[in-house]
Amino acid sequence: MAELAKANNIKVVLCSVVPAYDYWWRHGMEPAEKIVALNKMIKGYAEKNHFVYIDYHKPMKDEKTDSKSNTVKMACTPTRLVIKSWRQLLKKEFRTLCDSLTFLQNILTFF
């Protein structure tokens, strides 16, 4: 999809996978390290293809659980605080992509 968008002059924005220590629906999968590895692949792909990469993982993780308890209620279940932080990250990236503030405001009404 990203390559198809690029071929049609559509700006591509790739985002990292949010941190998770465990999944409530399937315990024991130990996703933390797998998510870090996947995010490295996504970031590398974005850099190689000159796509924008938004890192949601870094601001949401901590050293012990790999997901901040005050931002992630349960693994992969975003709270209002998480959504607010995502919006701030997206605003920052869209400002660099958009020439017109009006265009930016129209896009952000959907977030």
Protein backbone atom coordinates (compact mmCIF):
# COMPACT_ATOMS: atom_id res chain seq x y z
CA MET A 1 0.00 0.00 0.00
CA ALA A 2 2.82 2.41 0.86
CA GLU A 3 4.52 1.82 -2.47
CA LEU A 4 1.24 2.27 -4.34
CA ALA A 5 0.68 5.56 -2.50
CA LYS A 6 4.22 6.71 -3.29
CA ALA A 7 3.74 5.83 -6.97
CA ASN A 8 0.66 8.08 -6.97
CA ASN A 9 2.41 11.01 -5.26
CA ILE A 10 0.63 10.46 -1.95
CA LYS A 11 2.68 11.25 1.14
CA VAL A 12 3.12 8.11 3.25
CA VAL A 13 3.11 8.18 7.04
CA LEU A 14 4.05 4.97 8.86
CA CYS A 15 3.55 4.59 12.59
CA SER A 16 5.12 2.34 15.17
CA VAL A 17 3.25 -0.33 17.08
CA VAL A 18 2.43 0.74 20.63
CA PRO A 19 4.18 -1.04 23.50
CA ALA A 20 2.60 -4.01 25.22
CA TYR A 21 3.93 -6.24 27.95
CA ASP A 22 1.18 -8.82 27.64
CA TYR A 23 -2.11 -9.31 25.82
CA TRP A 24 -5.16 -9.79 28.02
CA TRP A 25 -6.78 -12.02 25.42
CA ARG A 26 -3.75 -14.32 25.10
CA HIS A 27 -1.26 -14.36 27.93
CA GLY A 28 2.28 -15.62 27.54
CA MET A 29 3.01 -14.31 24.06
CA GLU A 30 5.64 -11.88 25.42
CA PRO A 31 5.12 -9.26 22.71
CA ALA A 32 7.43 -6.52 24.04
CA GLU A 33 10.61 -7.62 22.23
CA LYS A 34 8.68 -8.62 19.11
CA ILE A 35 7.10 -5.17 18.94
CA VAL A 36 10.51 -3.50 19.28
CA ALA A 37 11.84 -5.65 16.41
CA LEU A 38 8.80 -4.91 14.24
CA ASN A 39 9.14 -1.18 14.90
CA LYS A 40 12.78 -1.30 13.81
CA MET A 41 11.69 -2.92 10.54
CA ILE A 42 8.96 -0.33 9.99
CA LYS A 43 11.34 2.54 10.76
CA GLY A 44 14.00 1.11 8.45
CA TYR A 45 11.47 0.70 5.65
CA ALA A 46 10.29 4.28 6.18
CA GLU A 47 13.85 5.64 6.08
CA LYS A 48 14.76 3.61 2.99
CA ASN A 49 11.72 4.90 1.12
CA HIS A 50 11.79 8.47 2.51
CA PHE A 51 8.46 8.06 4.30
CA VAL A 52 7.48 9.87 7.48
CA TYR A 53 7.75 7.64 10.56
CA ILE A 54 5.85 8.46 13.75
CA ASP A 55 7.14 6.75 16.87
CA TYR A 56 4.25 6.10 19.26
CA HIS A 57 6.28 3.46 21.07
CA LYS A 58 9.00 5.62 22.62
CA PRO A 59 6.79 8.16 24.47
CA MET A 60 4.52 5.39 25.79
CA LYS A 61 7.02 2.89 27.15
CA ASP A 62 8.81 2.59 30.44
CA GLU A 63 11.70 0.38 31.48
CA LYS A 64 9.80 -2.08 33.65
CA THR A 65 6.62 -2.94 31.81
CA ASP A 66 7.35 -1.49 28.38
CA SER A 67 4.06 0.38 28.59
CA LYS A 68 3.35 3.26 30.95
CA SER A 69 0.58 2.36 33.35
CA ASN A 70 -0.76 5.91 33.26
CA THR A 71 -1.20 5.85 29.48
CA VAL A 72 -2.15 2.28 28.67
CA LYS A 73 -4.96 0.85 30.77
CA MET A 74 -4.53 -2.67 29.44
CA ALA A 75 -2.22 -3.85 26.72
CA CYS A 76 -3.40 -2.46 23.38
CA THR A 77 -6.34 -0.57 24.91
CA PRO A 78 -5.67 3.16 24.50
CA THR A 79 -7.01 5.62 27.05
CA ARG A 80 -7.98 9.23 26.40
CA LEU A 81 -4.48 10.25 27.46
CA VAL A 82 -2.96 7.94 24.86
CA ILE A 83 -5.22 9.25 22.12
CA LYS A 84 -4.35 12.82 23.10
CA SER A 85 -0.62 12.05 22.85
CA TRP A 86 -1.15 10.40 19.45
CA ARG A 87 -2.96 13.49 18.26
CA GLN A 88 -0.07 15.71 19.37
CA LEU A 89 2.44 13.54 17.52
CA LEU A 90 0.28 13.55 14.40
CA LYS A 91 -0.16 17.32 14.53
CA LYS A 92 3.59 17.79 14.65
CA GLU A 93 4.17 15.55 11.64
CA PHE A 94 1.30 16.97 9.60
CA ARG A 95 2.60 20.50 10.17
CA THR A 96 5.81 19.51 8.44
CA LEU A 97 3.90 17.91 5.57
CA CYS A 98 1.26 20.55 4.94
CA ASP A 99 1.83 23.95 3.42
CA SER A 100 -1.54 25.33 4.45
CA LEU A 101 -2.76 25.65 8.03
CA THR A 102 -6.34 25.44 6.77
CA PHE A 103 -5.59 22.09 5.16
CA LEU A 104 -4.01 20.91 8.42
CA GLN A 105 -7.05 21.92 10.45
CA ASN A 106 -9.36 20.07 8.07
CA ILE A 107 -7.31 16.88 8.42
CA LEU A 108 -7.10 17.10 12.21
CA THR A 109 -10.86 17.33 12.61
CA PHE A 110 -10.91 13.61 11.83
CA PHE A 111 -8.58 12.74 14.72
